[in-house]
């Protein structure tokens, strides 16, 4: 079974290589006029295909990189929000501790005044 898979993959790769070779051979002398923000006259079709493929790969890379940057920006925003909430909680805890100290000192003073009488 493994041998069959290897031969099948080899056959498919050879067939694909033959298709690419046929496209290259059949288009070797074809020329075309193209407009891409300017007129380009008498360009070899193979070069056009190559540039189009390279442009597609670069465009795909830009899209993937942009998605990553957008995701990281969202993470930074969530982290900043989390830190803001944490700072607010710390400020409230400090205020509560100060209030508790003040109440304890008043309570101790009241108890000492009560015992002094």
PDB file of N, CA and C in Angstrom:
ATOM      1  N   UNK A   1       0.833  -1.198   0.000  1.00  0.00           N
ATOM      2  CA  UNK A   1       0.000   0.000   0.000  1.00  0.00           C
ATOM      3  C   UNK A   1       0.879   1.263   0.000  1.00  0.00           C
ATOM      4  N   UNK A   2       1.959   1.220   0.814  1.00  0.00           N
ATOM      5  CA  UNK A   2       2.845   2.374   0.875  1.00  0.00           C
ATOM      6  C   UNK A   2       3.531   2.599  -0.468  1.00  0.00           C
ATOM      7  N   UNK A   3       3.915   1.529  -1.119  1.00  0.00           N
ATOM      8  CA  UNK A   3       4.556   1.631  -2.428  1.00  0.00           C
ATOM      9  C   UNK A   3       3.595   2.262  -3.436  1.00  0.00           C
ATOM     10  N   UNK A   4       2.322   1.895  -3.363  1.00  0.00           N
ATOM     11  CA  UNK A   4       1.317   2.456  -4.262  1.00  0.00           C
ATOM     12  C   UNK A   4       1.194   3.967  -4.063  1.00  0.00           C
ATOM     13  N   UNK A   5       1.171   4.403  -2.787  1.00  0.00           N
ATOM     14  CA  UNK A   5       1.068   5.836  -2.492  1.00  0.00           C
ATOM     15  C   UNK A   5       2.281   6.599  -3.037  1.00  0.00           C
ATOM     16  N   UNK A   6       3.461   6.001  -2.872  1.00  0.00           N
ATOM     17  CA  UNK A   6       4.671   6.662  -3.361  1.00  0.00           C
ATOM     18  C   UNK A   6       4.631   6.785  -4.875  1.00  0.00           C
ATOM     19  N   UNK A   7       4.250   5.708  -5.558  1.00  0.00           N
ATOM     20  CA  UNK A   7       4.164   5.751  -7.018  1.00  0.00           C
ATOM     21  C   UNK A   7       3.084   6.724  -7.482  1.00  0.00           C
ATOM     22  N   UNK A   8       1.972   6.772  -6.779  1.00  0.00           N
ATOM     23  CA  UNK A   8       0.893   7.697  -7.136  1.00  0.00           C
ATOM     24  C   UNK A   8       1.368   9.146  -6.991  1.00  0.00           C
ATOM     25  N   UNK A   9       2.043   9.449  -5.869  1.00  0.00           N
ATOM     26  CA  UNK A   9       2.550  10.808  -5.665  1.00  0.00           C
ATOM     27  C   UNK A   9       3.593  11.167  -6.716  1.00  0.00           C
ATOM     28  N   UNK A  10       4.460  10.218  -7.038  1.00  0.00           N
ATOM     29  CA  UNK A  10       5.473  10.454  -8.063  1.00  0.00           C
ATOM     30  C   UNK A  10       4.823  10.720  -9.411  1.00  0.00           C
ATOM     31  N   UNK A  11       3.825   9.926  -9.745  1.00  0.00           N
ATOM     32  CA  UNK A  11       3.108  10.109 -11.006  1.00  0.00           C
ATOM     33  C   UNK A  11       2.433  11.481 -11.056  1.00  0.00           C
ATOM     34  N   UNK A  12       1.822  11.891  -9.946  1.00  0.00           N
ATOM     35  CA  UNK A  12       1.156  13.193  -9.915  1.00  0.00           C
ATOM     36  C   UNK A  12       2.173  14.338 -10.049  1.00  0.00           C
ATOM     37  N   UNK A  13       3.314  14.205  -9.386  1.00  0.00           N
ATOM     38  CA  UNK A  13       4.339  15.242  -9.511  1.00  0.00           C
ATOM     39  C   UNK A  13       4.895  15.326 -10.926  1.00  0.00           C
ATOM     40  N   UNK A  14       5.112  14.168 -11.560  1.00  0.00           N
ATOM     41  CA  UNK A  14       5.605  14.157 -12.950  1.00  0.00           C
ATOM     42  C   UNK A  14       4.560  14.770 -13.873  1.00  0.00           C
ATOM     43  N   UNK A  15       3.296  14.425 -13.661  1.00  0.00           N
ATOM     44  CA  UNK A  15       2.215  14.982 -14.488  1.00  0.00           C
ATOM     45  C   UNK A  15       2.137  16.497 -14.315  1.00  0.00           C
ATOM     46  N   UNK A  16       2.266  16.963 -13.076  1.00  0.00           N
ATOM     47  CA  UNK A  16       2.234  18.401 -12.824  1.00  0.00           C
ATOM     48  C   UNK A  16       3.423  19.098 -13.489  1.00  0.00           C
ATOM     49  N   UNK A  17       4.587  18.486 -13.401  1.00  0.00           N
ATOM     50  CA  UNK A  17       5.768  19.051 -14.060  1.00  0.00           C
ATOM     51  C   UNK A  17       5.577  19.098 -15.571  1.00  0.00           C
ATOM     52  N   UNK A  18       4.942  18.085 -16.136  1.00  0.00           N
ATOM     53  CA  UNK A  18       4.686  18.068 -17.577  1.00  0.00           C
ATOM     54  C   UNK A  18       3.704  19.161 -17.971  1.00  0.00           C
ATOM     55  N   UNK A  19       2.695  19.403 -17.146  1.00  0.00           N
ATOM     56  CA  UNK A  19       1.735  20.478 -17.423  1.00  0.00           C
ATOM     57  C   UNK A  19       2.449  21.830 -17.402  1.00  0.00           C
ATOM     58  N   UNK A  20       3.289  22.040 -16.400  1.00  0.00           N
ATOM     59  CA  UNK A  20       4.036  23.295 -16.325  1.00  0.00           C
ATOM     60  C   UNK A  20       4.940  23.439 -17.544  1.00  0.00           C
ATOM     61  N   UNK A  21       5.618  22.364 -17.905  1.00  0.00           N
ATOM     62  CA  UNK A  21       6.499  22.403 -19.077  1.00  0.00           C
ATOM     63  C   UNK A  21       5.702  22.689 -20.346  1.00  0.00           C
ATOM     64  N   UNK A  22       4.509  22.100 -20.479  1.00  0.00           N
ATOM     65  CA  UNK A  22       3.670  22.341 -21.660  1.00  0.00           C
ATOM     66  C   UNK A  22       3.225  23.804 -21.726  1.00  0.00           C
ATOM     67  N   UNK A  23       2.841  24.381 -20.568  1.00  0.00           N
ATOM     68  CA  UNK A  23       2.423  25.786 -20.537  1.00  0.00           C
ATOM     69  C   UNK A  23       3.588  26.686 -20.929  1.00  0.00           C
ATOM     70  N   UNK A  24       4.762  26.399 -20.398  1.00  0.00           N
ATOM     71  CA  UNK A  24       5.942  27.193 -20.732  1.00  0.00           C
ATOM     72  C   UNK A  24       6.261  27.059 -22.221  1.00  0.00           C
ATOM     73  N   UNK A  25       6.245  25.839 -22.726  1.00  0.00           N
ATOM     74  CA  UNK A  25       6.589  25.614 -24.132  1.00  0.00           C
ATOM     75  C   UNK A  25       5.591  26.286 -25.075  1.00  0.00           C
ATOM     76  N   UNK A  26       4.297  26.164 -24.774  1.00  0.00           N
ATOM     77  CA  UNK A  26       3.278  26.709 -25.663  1.00  0.00           C
ATOM     78  C   UNK A  26       3.241  28.245 -25.617  1.00  0.00           C
ATOM     79  N   UNK A  27       3.679  28.832 -24.509  1.00  0.00           N
ATOM     80  CA  UNK A  27       3.613  30.288 -24.376  1.00  0.00           C
ATOM     81  C   UNK A  27       4.966  30.969 -24.549  1.00  0.00           C
ATOM     82  N   UNK A  28       5.967  30.238 -25.005  1.00  0.00           N
ATOM     83  CA  UNK A  28       7.318  30.795 -25.082  1.00  0.00           C
ATOM     84  C   UNK A  28       7.414  31.975 -26.037  1.00  0.00           C
ATOM     85  N   UNK A  29       6.608  32.013 -27.077  1.00  0.00           N
ATOM     86  CA  UNK A  29       6.711  33.093 -28.060  1.00  0.00           C
ATOM     87  C   UNK A  29       5.531  34.063 -27.976  1.00  0.00           C
ATOM     88  N   UNK A  30       4.571  33.791 -27.132  1.00  0.00           N
ATOM     89  CA  UNK A  30       3.402  34.670 -27.025  1.00  0.00           C
ATOM     90  C   UNK A  30       3.759  35.957 -26.318  1.00  0.00           C
ATOM     91  N   UNK A  31       3.201  37.024 -26.847  1.00  0.00           N
ATOM     92  CA  UNK A  31       3.454  38.339 -26.272  1.00  0.00           C
ATOM     93  C   UNK A  31       2.097  39.013 -26.084  1.00  0.00           C
ATOM     94  N   UNK A  32       2.046  39.944 -25.167  1.00  0.00           N
ATOM     95  CA  UNK A  32       0.774  40.565 -24.830  1.00  0.00           C
ATOM     96  C   UNK A  32       1.008  42.025 -24.447  1.00  0.00           C
ATOM     97  N   UNK A  33      -0.031  42.837 -24.621  1.00  0.00           N
ATOM     98  CA  UNK A  33      -0.022  44.223 -24.157  1.00  0.00           C
ATOM     99  C   UNK A  33      -0.844  44.277 -22.878  1.00  0.00           C
ATOM    100  N   UNK A  34      -0.306  44.916 -21.855  1.00  0.00           N
ATOM    101  CA  UNK A  34      -0.955  44.930 -20.535  1.00  0.00           C
ATOM    102  C   UNK A  34      -1.014  46.356 -20.031  1.00  0.00           C
ATOM    103  N   UNK A  35      -2.097  46.665 -19.337  1.00  0.00           N
ATOM    104  CA  UNK A  35      -2.190  47.933 -18.632  1.00  0.00           C
ATOM    105  C   UNK A  35      -2.180  47.636 -17.143  1.00  0.00           C
ATOM    106  N   UNK A  36      -1.226  48.178 -16.420  1.00  0.00           N
ATOM    107  CA  UNK A  36      -1.180  48.108 -14.970  1.00  0.00           C
ATOM    108  C   UNK A  36      -0.702  49.463 -14.474  1.00  0.00           C
ATOM    109  N   UNK A  37      -1.637  50.397 -14.430  1.00  0.00           N
ATOM    110  CA  UNK A  37      -1.389  51.795 -14.093  1.00  0.00           C
ATOM    111  C   UNK A  37      -0.474  52.481 -15.101  1.00  0.00           C
ATOM    112  N   UNK A  38      -0.137  51.789 -16.150  1.00  0.00           N
ATOM    113  CA  UNK A  38       0.610  52.334 -17.285  1.00  0.00           C
ATOM    114  C   UNK A  38       0.514  51.274 -18.392  1.00  0.00           C
ATOM    115  N   UNK A  39       0.761  51.687 -19.613  1.00  0.00           N
ATOM    116  CA  UNK A  39       0.715  50.732 -20.720  1.00  0.00           C
ATOM    117  C   UNK A  39       2.055  50.012 -20.840  1.00  0.00           C
ATOM    118  N   UNK A  40       1.987  48.683 -20.860  1.00  0.00           N
ATOM    119  CA  UNK A  40       3.164  47.858 -21.078  1.00  0.00           C
ATOM    120  C   UNK A  40       2.917  47.081 -22.362  1.00  0.00           C
ATOM    121  N   UNK A  41       3.698  47.338 -23.374  1.00  0.00           N
ATOM    122  CA  UNK A  41       3.476  46.736 -24.680  1.00  0.00           C
ATOM    123  C   UNK A  41       4.469  45.612 -24.929  1.00  0.00           C
ATOM    124  N   UNK A  42       3.970  44.586 -25.577  1.00  0.00           N
ATOM    125  CA  UNK A  42       4.802  43.500 -26.076  1.00  0.00           C
ATOM    126  C   UNK A  42       5.604  42.808 -24.965  1.00  0.00           C
ATOM    127  N   UNK A  43       4.868  42.354 -23.926  1.00  0.00           N
ATOM    128  CA  UNK A  43       5.502  41.631 -22.813  1.00  0.00           C
ATOM    129  C   UNK A  43       5.330  40.136 -23.056  1.00  0.00           C
ATOM    130  N   UNK A  44       6.362  39.376 -22.751  1.00  0.00           N
ATOM    131  CA  UNK A  44       6.286  37.934 -22.866  1.00  0.00           C
ATOM    132  C   UNK A  44       5.297  37.407 -21.827  1.00  0.00           C
ATOM    133  N   UNK A  45       4.431  36.500 -22.252  1.00  0.00           N
ATOM    134  CA  UNK A  45       3.383  35.969 -21.380  1.00  0.00           C
ATOM    135  C   UNK A  45       3.977  35.238 -20.181  1.00  0.00           C
ATOM    136  N   UNK A  46       5.089  34.549 -20.365  1.00  0.00           N
ATOM    137  CA  UNK A  46       5.704  33.825 -19.255  1.00  0.00           C
ATOM    138  C   UNK A  46       6.155  34.770 -18.152  1.00  0.00           C
ATOM    139  N   UNK A  47       6.722  35.917 -18.557  1.00  0.00           N
ATOM    140  CA  UNK A  47       7.107  36.897 -17.551  1.00  0.00           C
ATOM    141  C   UNK A  47       5.884  37.457 -16.848  1.00  0.00           C
ATOM    142  N   UNK A  48       4.817  37.663 -17.592  1.00  0.00           N
ATOM    143  CA  UNK A  48       3.579  38.162 -16.995  1.00  0.00           C
ATOM    144  C   UNK A  48       3.041  37.171 -15.967  1.00  0.00           C
ATOM    145  N   UNK A  49       3.052  35.883 -16.311  1.00  0.00           N
ATOM    146  CA  UNK A  49       2.594  34.851 -15.377  1.00  0.00           C
ATOM    147  C   UNK A  49       3.485  34.834 -14.135  1.00  0.00           C
ATOM    148  N   UNK A  50       4.792  34.934 -14.335  1.00  0.00           N
ATOM    149  CA  UNK A  50       5.728  34.911 -13.206  1.00  0.00           C
ATOM    150  C   UNK A  50       5.501  36.101 -12.286  1.00  0.00           C
ATOM    151  N   UNK A  51       5.365  37.288 -12.870  1.00  0.00           N
ATOM    152  CA  UNK A  51       5.140  38.481 -12.054  1.00  0.00           C
ATOM    153  C   UNK A  51       3.798  38.420 -11.329  1.00  0.00           C
ATOM    154  N   UNK A  52       2.795  37.887 -12.006  1.00  0.00           N
ATOM    155  CA  UNK A  52       1.481  37.760 -11.379  1.00  0.00           C
ATOM    156  C   UNK A  52       1.549  36.801 -10.189  1.00  0.00           C
ATOM    157  N   UNK A  53       2.241  35.681 -10.355  1.00  0.00           N
ATOM    158  CA  UNK A  53       2.383  34.723  -9.249  1.00  0.00           C
ATOM    159  C   UNK A  53       3.142  35.348  -8.087  1.00  0.00           C
ATOM    160  N   UNK A  54       4.235  36.053  -8.386  1.00  0.00           N
ATOM    161  CA  UNK A  54       5.014  36.695  -7.326  1.00  0.00           C
ATOM    162  C   UNK A  54       4.176  37.765  -6.620  1.00  0.00           C
ATOM    163  N   UNK A  55       3.426  38.543  -7.380  1.00  0.00           N
ATOM    164  CA  UNK A  55       2.562  39.559  -6.783  1.00  0.00           C
ATOM    165  C   UNK A  55       1.485  38.959  -5.902  1.00  0.00           C
ATOM    166  N   UNK A  56       0.958  37.821  -6.321  1.00  0.00           N
ATOM    167  CA  UNK A  56      -0.058  37.138  -5.517  1.00  0.00           C
ATOM    168  C   UNK A  56       0.532  36.659  -4.202  1.00  0.00           C
ATOM    169  N   UNK A  57       1.726  36.085  -4.259  1.00  0.00           N
ATOM    170  CA  UNK A  57       2.368  35.615  -3.028  1.00  0.00           C
ATOM    171  C   UNK A  57       2.680  36.763  -2.081  1.00  0.00           C
ATOM    172  N   UNK A  58       3.182  37.866  -2.619  1.00  0.00           N
ATOM    173  CA  UNK A  58       3.483  39.032  -1.783  1.00  0.00           C
ATOM    174  C   UNK A  58       2.195  39.597  -1.194  1.00  0.00           C
ATOM    175  N   UNK A  59       1.142  39.674  -1.982  1.00  0.00           N
ATOM    176  CA  UNK A  59      -0.142  40.183  -1.482  1.00  0.00           C
ATOM    177  C   UNK A  59      -0.680  39.292  -0.364  1.00  0.00           C
ATOM    178  N   UNK A  60      -0.591  37.986  -0.533  1.00  0.00           N
ATOM    179  CA  UNK A  60      -1.062  37.050   0.489  1.00  0.00           C
ATOM    180  C   UNK A  60      -0.247  37.232   1.775  1.00  0.00           C
ATOM    181  N   UNK A  61       1.079  37.406   1.628  1.00  0.00           N
ATOM    182  CA  UNK A  61       1.911  37.626   2.798  1.00  0.00           C
ATOM    183  C   UNK A  61       1.503  38.912   3.519  1.00  0.00           C
ATOM    184  N   UNK A  62       1.192  39.964   2.772  1.00  0.00           N
ATOM    185  CA  UNK A  62       0.764  41.228   3.379  1.00  0.00           C
ATOM    186  C   UNK A  62      -0.550  41.040   4.136  1.00  0.00           C
ATOM    187  N   UNK A  63      -1.485  40.292   3.562  1.00  0.00           N
ATOM    188  CA  UNK A  63      -2.767  40.046   4.232  1.00  0.00           C
ATOM    189  C   UNK A  63      -2.542  39.290   5.537  1.00  0.00           C
ATOM    190  N   UNK A  64      -1.725  38.250   5.505  1.00  0.00           N
ATOM    191  CA  UNK A  64      -1.465  37.455   6.708  1.00  0.00           C
ATOM    192  C   UNK A  64      -0.764  38.307   7.765  1.00  0.00           C
ATOM    193  N   UNK A  65       0.223  39.100   7.351  1.00  0.00           N
ATOM    194  CA  UNK A  65       0.935  39.963   8.296  1.00  0.00           C
ATOM    195  C   UNK A  65      -0.012  41.012   8.883  1.00  0.00           C
ATOM    196  N   UNK A  66      -0.906  41.554   8.074  1.00  0.00           N
ATOM    197  CA  UNK A  66      -1.860  42.557   8.554  1.00  0.00           C
ATOM    198  C   UNK A  66      -2.798  41.955   9.593  1.00  0.00           C
ATOM    199  N   UNK A  67      -3.255  40.745   9.341  1.00  0.00           N
ATOM    200  CA  UNK A  67      -4.128  40.080  10.319  1.00  0.00           C
ATOM    201  C   UNK A  67      -3.401  39.886  11.639  1.00  0.00           C
ATOM    202  N   UNK A  68      -2.121  39.529  11.566  1.00  0.00           N
ATOM    203  CA  UNK A  68      -1.332  39.356  12.786  1.00  0.00           C
ATOM    204  C   UNK A  68      -1.186  40.662  13.550  1.00  0.00           C
ATOM    205  N   UNK A  69      -0.946  41.744  12.830  1.00  0.00           N
ATOM    206  CA  UNK A  69      -0.791  43.051  13.472  1.00  0.00           C
ATOM    207  C   UNK A  69      -2.107  43.475  14.108  1.00  0.00           C
ATOM    208  N   UNK A  70      -3.211  43.261  13.428  1.00  0.00           N
ATOM    209  CA  UNK A  70      -4.521  43.622  13.982  1.00  0.00           C
ATOM    210  C   UNK A  70      -4.798  42.818  15.242  1.00  0.00           C
ATOM    211  N   UNK A  71      -4.471  41.535  15.229  1.00  0.00           N
ATOM    212  CA  UNK A  71      -4.666  40.682  16.401  1.00  0.00           C
ATOM    213  C   UNK A  71      -3.803  41.188  17.569  1.00  0.00           C
ATOM    214  N   UNK A  72      -2.550  41.551  17.291  1.00  0.00           N
ATOM    215  CA  UNK A  72      -1.668  42.054  18.340  1.00  0.00           C
ATOM    216  C   UNK A  72      -2.158  43.388  18.891  1.00  0.00           C
ATOM    217  N   UNK A  73      -2.718  44.235  18.024  1.00  0.00           N
ATOM    218  CA  UNK A  73      -3.265  45.512  18.501  1.00  0.00           C
ATOM    219  C   UNK A  73      -4.433  45.268  19.446  1.00  0.00           C
ATOM    220  N   UNK A  74      -5.263  44.291  19.132  1.00  0.00           N
ATOM    221  CA  UNK A  74      -6.373  43.939  20.024  1.00  0.00           C
ATOM    222  C   UNK A  74      -5.870  43.430  21.366  1.00  0.00           C
ATOM    223  N   UNK A  75      -4.815  42.611  21.337  1.00  0.00           N
ATOM    224  CA  UNK A  75      -4.239  42.112  22.585  1.00  0.00           C
ATOM    225  C   UNK A  75      -3.678  43.257  23.424  1.00  0.00           C
ATOM    226  N   UNK A  76      -2.996  44.213  22.769  1.00  0.00           N
ATOM    227  CA  UNK A  76      -2.467  45.369  23.495  1.00  0.00           C
ATOM    228  C   UNK A  76      -3.592  46.184  24.126  1.00  0.00           C
ATOM    229  N   UNK A  77      -4.677  46.353  23.399  1.00  0.00           N
ATOM    230  CA  UNK A  77      -5.817  47.115  23.918  1.00  0.00           C
ATOM    231  C   UNK A  77      -6.417  46.407  25.134  1.00  0.00           C
ATOM    232  N   UNK A  78      -6.591  45.094  25.026  1.00  0.00           N
ATOM    233  CA  UNK A  78      -7.143  44.341  26.158  1.00  0.00           C
ATOM    234  C   UNK A  78      -6.201  44.387  27.359  1.00  0.00           C
ATOM    235  N   UNK A  79      -4.896  44.324  27.123  1.00  0.00           N
ATOM    236  CA  UNK A  79      -3.912  44.398  28.214  1.00  0.00           C
ATOM    237  C   UNK A  79      -3.957  45.764  28.883  1.00  0.00           C
ATOM    238  N   UNK A  80      -4.061  46.828  28.095  1.00  0.00           N
ATOM    239  CA  UNK A  80      -4.147  48.176  28.663  1.00  0.00           C
ATOM    240  C   UNK A  80      -5.415  48.325  29.498  1.00  0.00           C
ATOM    241  N   UNK A  81      -6.512  47.769  29.020  1.00  0.00           N
ATOM    242  CA  UNK A  81      -7.771  47.846  29.762  1.00  0.00           C
ATOM    243  C   UNK A  81      -7.659  47.054  31.071  1.00  0.00           C
ATOM    244  N   UNK A  82      -7.021  45.883  31.007  1.00  0.00           N
ATOM    245  CA  UNK A  82      -6.850  45.060  32.204  1.00  0.00           C
ATOM    246  C   UNK A  82      -5.988  45.798  33.234  1.00  0.00           C
ATOM    247  N   UNK A  83      -4.919  46.447  32.763  1.00  0.00           N
ATOM    248  CA  UNK A  83      -4.059  47.201  33.676  1.00  0.00           C
ATOM    249  C   UNK A  83      -4.794  48.383  34.299  1.00  0.00           C
ATOM    250  N   UNK A  84      -5.647  49.030  33.527  1.00  0.00           N
ATOM    251  CA  UNK A  84      -6.435  50.149  34.046  1.00  0.00           C
ATOM    252  C   UNK A  84      -7.375  49.669  35.152  1.00  0.00           C
ATOM    253  N   UNK A  85      -8.038  48.561  34.931  1.00  0.00           N
ATOM    254  CA  UNK A  85      -8.943  48.003  35.939  1.00  0.00           C
ATOM    255  C   UNK A  85      -8.148  47.603  37.177  1.00  0.00           C
ATOM    256  N   UNK A  86      -6.965  47.040  36.962  1.00  0.00           N
ATOM    257  CA  UNK A  86      -6.122  46.633  38.097  1.00  0.00           C
ATOM    258  C   UNK A  86      -5.684  47.840  38.922  1.00  0.00           C
ATOM    259  N   UNK A  87      -5.322  48.946  38.236  1.00  0.00           N
ATOM    260  CA  UNK A  87      -4.944  50.163  38.954  1.00  0.00           C
ATOM    261  C   UNK A  87      -6.126  50.718  39.764  1.00  0.00           C
ATOM    262  N   UNK A  88      -7.317  50.681  39.175  1.00  0.00           N
ATOM    263  CA  UNK A  88      -8.500  51.160  39.893  1.00  0.00           C
ATOM    264  C   UNK A  88      -8.758  50.303  41.124  1.00  0.00           C
ATOM    265  N   UNK A  89      -8.599  48.995  40.979  1.00  0.00           N
ATOM    266  CA  UNK A  89      -8.813  48.099  42.116  1.00  0.00           C
ATOM    267  C   UNK A  89      -7.785  48.350  43.213  1.00  0.00           C
ATOM    268  N   UNK A  90      -6.524  48.595  42.835  1.00  0.00           N
ATOM    269  CA  UNK A  90      -5.493  48.882  43.829  1.00  0.00           C
ATOM    270  C   UNK A  90      -5.780  50.197  44.554  1.00  0.00           C
ATOM    271  N   UNK A  91      -6.251  51.203  43.806  1.00  0.00           N
ATOM    272  CA  UNK A  91      -6.579  52.488  44.422  1.00  0.00           C
ATOM    273  C   UNK A  91      -7.739  52.322  45.407  1.00  0.00           C
ATOM    274  N   UNK A  92      -8.736  51.539  45.014  1.00  0.00           N
ATOM    275  CA  UNK A  92      -9.878  51.311  45.908  1.00  0.00           C
ATOM    276  C   UNK A  92      -9.450  50.518  47.135  1.00  0.00           C
ATOM    277  N   UNK A  93      -8.544  49.540  46.944  1.00  0.00           N
ATOM    278  CA  UNK A  93      -8.063  48.757  48.081  1.00  0.00           C
ATOM    279  C   UNK A  93      -7.273  49.641  49.051  1.00  0.00           C
ATOM    280  N   UNK A  94      -6.457  50.560  48.509  1.00  0.00           N
ATOM    281  CA  UNK A  94      -5.696  51.478  49.370  1.00  0.00           C
ATOM    282  C   UNK A  94      -6.647  52.395  50.131  1.00  0.00           C
ATOM    283  N   UNK A  95      -7.672  52.885  49.467  1.00  0.00           N
ATOM    284  CA  UNK A  95      -8.649  53.756  50.119  1.00  0.00           C
ATOM    285  C   UNK A  95      -9.400  52.995  51.208  1.00  0.00           C
ATOM    286  N   UNK A  96      -9.752  51.757  50.921  1.00  0.00           N
ATOM    287  CA  UNK A  96     -10.449  50.930  51.904  1.00  0.00           C
ATOM    288  C   UNK A  96      -9.546  50.648  53.104  1.00  0.00           C
ATOM    289  N   UNK A  97      -8.262  50.378  52.853  1.00  0.00           N
ATOM    290  CA  UNK A  97      -7.321  50.132  53.953  1.00  0.00           C
ATOM    291  C   UNK A  97      -7.176  51.378  54.820  1.00  0.00           C
ATOM    292  N   UNK A  98      -7.121  52.544  54.215  1.00  0.00           N
ATOM    293  CA  UNK A  98      -7.015  53.804  54.971  1.00  0.00           C
ATOM    294  C   UNK A  98      -8.271  54.025  55.808  1.00  0.00           C
ATOM    295  N   UNK A  99      -9.423  53.762  55.220  1.00  0.00           N
ATOM    296  CA  UNK A  99     -10.683  53.909  55.953  1.00  0.00           C
ATOM    297  C   UNK A  99     -10.725  52.926  57.118  1.00  0.00           C
ATOM    298  N   UNK A 100     -10.263  51.703  56.890  1.00  0.00           N
ATOM    299  CA  UNK A 100     -10.257  50.691  57.945  1.00  0.00           C
ATOM    300  C   UNK A 100      -9.323  51.093  59.085  1.00  0.00           C
ATOM    301  N   UNK A 101      -8.165  51.644  58.742  1.00  0.00           N
ATOM    302  CA  UNK A 101      -7.232  52.122  59.768  1.00  0.00           C
ATOM    303  C   UNK A 101      -7.868  53.226  60.607  1.00  0.00           C
ATOM    304  N   UNK A 102      -8.530  54.151  59.927  1.00  0.00           N
ATOM    305  CA  UNK A 102      -9.153  55.274  60.624  1.00  0.00           C
ATOM    306  C   UNK A 102     -10.249  54.772  61.570  1.00  0.00           C
ATOM    307  N   UNK A 103     -11.041  53.802  61.093  1.00  0.00           N
ATOM    308  CA  UNK A 103     -12.109  53.255  61.943  1.00  0.00           C
ATOM    309  C   UNK A 103     -11.493  52.518  63.134  1.00  0.00           C
ATOM    310  N   UNK A 104     -10.431  51.735  62.901  1.00  0.00           N
ATOM    311  CA  UNK A 104      -9.782  51.002  63.987  1.00  0.00           C
ATOM    312  C   UNK A 104      -9.219  51.954  65.032  1.00  0.00           C
ATOM    313  N   UNK A 105      -8.579  53.038  64.560  1.00  0.00           N
ATOM    314  CA  UNK A 105      -8.011  53.990  65.526  1.00  0.00           C
ATOM    315  C   UNK A 105      -9.120  54.671  66.338  1.00  0.00           C
ATOM    316  N   UNK A 106     -10.222  55.004  65.727  1.00  0.00           N
ATOM    317  CA  UNK A 106     -11.344  55.609  66.451  1.00  0.00           C
ATOM    318  C   UNK A 106     -11.939  54.616  67.440  1.00  0.00           C
ATOM    319  N   UNK A 107     -12.020  53.352  67.006  1.00  0.00           N
ATOM    320  CA  UNK A 107     -12.573  52.321  67.881  1.00  0.00           C
ATOM    321  C   UNK A 107     -11.655  52.098  69.083  1.00  0.00           C
ATOM    322  N   UNK A 108     -10.347  52.062  68.858  1.00  0.00           N
ATOM    323  CA  UNK A 108      -9.394  51.891  69.960  1.00  0.00           C
ATOM    324  C   UNK A 108      -9.462  53.088  70.914  1.00  0.00           C
ATOM    325  N   UNK A 109      -9.585  54.280  70.339  1.00  0.00           N
ATOM    326  CA  UNK A 109      -9.674  55.490  71.170  1.00  0.00           C
ATOM    327  C   UNK A 109     -10.943  55.449  72.015  1.00  0.00           C
ATOM    328  N   UNK A 110     -12.050  55.028  71.393  1.00  0.00           N
ATOM    329  CA  UNK A 110     -13.320  54.945  72.140  1.00  0.00           C
ATOM    330  C   UNK A 110     -13.228  53.904  73.244  1.00  0.00           C
ATOM    331  N   UNK A 111     -12.600  52.773  72.973  1.00  0.00           N
ATOM    332  CA  UNK A 111     -12.480  51.724  73.966  1.00  0.00           C
ATOM    333  C   UNK A 111     -11.557  52.182  75.096  1.00  0.00           C
ATOM    334  N   UNK A 112     -10.474  52.869  74.759  1.00  0.00           N
ATOM    335  CA  UNK A 112      -9.572  53.350  75.825  1.00  0.00           C
ATOM    336  C   UNK A 112     -10.222  54.445  76.659  1.00  0.00           C
ATOM    337  N   UNK A 113     -11.034  55.304  76.007  1.00  0.00           N
ATOM    338  CA  UNK A 113     -11.769  56.327  76.758  1.00  0.00           C
ATOM    339  C   UNK A 113     -12.797  55.672  77.681  1.00  0.00           C
ATOM    340  N   UNK A 114     -13.409  54.611  77.229  1.00  0.00           N
ATOM    341  CA  UNK A 114     -14.420  53.899  77.996  1.00  0.00           C
ATOM    342  C   UNK A 114     -13.777  53.225  79.208  1.00  0.00           C
ATOM    343  N   UNK A 115     -12.627  52.643  79.003  1.00  0.00           N
ATOM    344  CA  UNK A 115     -11.965  51.952  80.119  1.00  0.00           C
ATOM    345  C   UNK A 115     -11.341  52.958  81.096  1.00  0.00           C
ATOM    346  N   UNK A 116     -11.006  54.155  80.630  1.00  0.00           N
ATOM    347  CA  UNK A 116     -10.407  55.165  81.505  1.00  0.00           C
ATOM    348  C   UNK A 116     -11.456  55.727  82.455  1.00  0.00           C
ATOM    349  N   UNK A 117     -12.688  55.723  82.070  1.00  0.00           N
ATOM    350  CA  UNK A 117     -13.740  56.283  82.940  1.00  0.00           C
ATOM    351  C   UNK A 117     -14.057  55.348  84.012  1.00  0.00           C
TER     352      UNK A 117
END
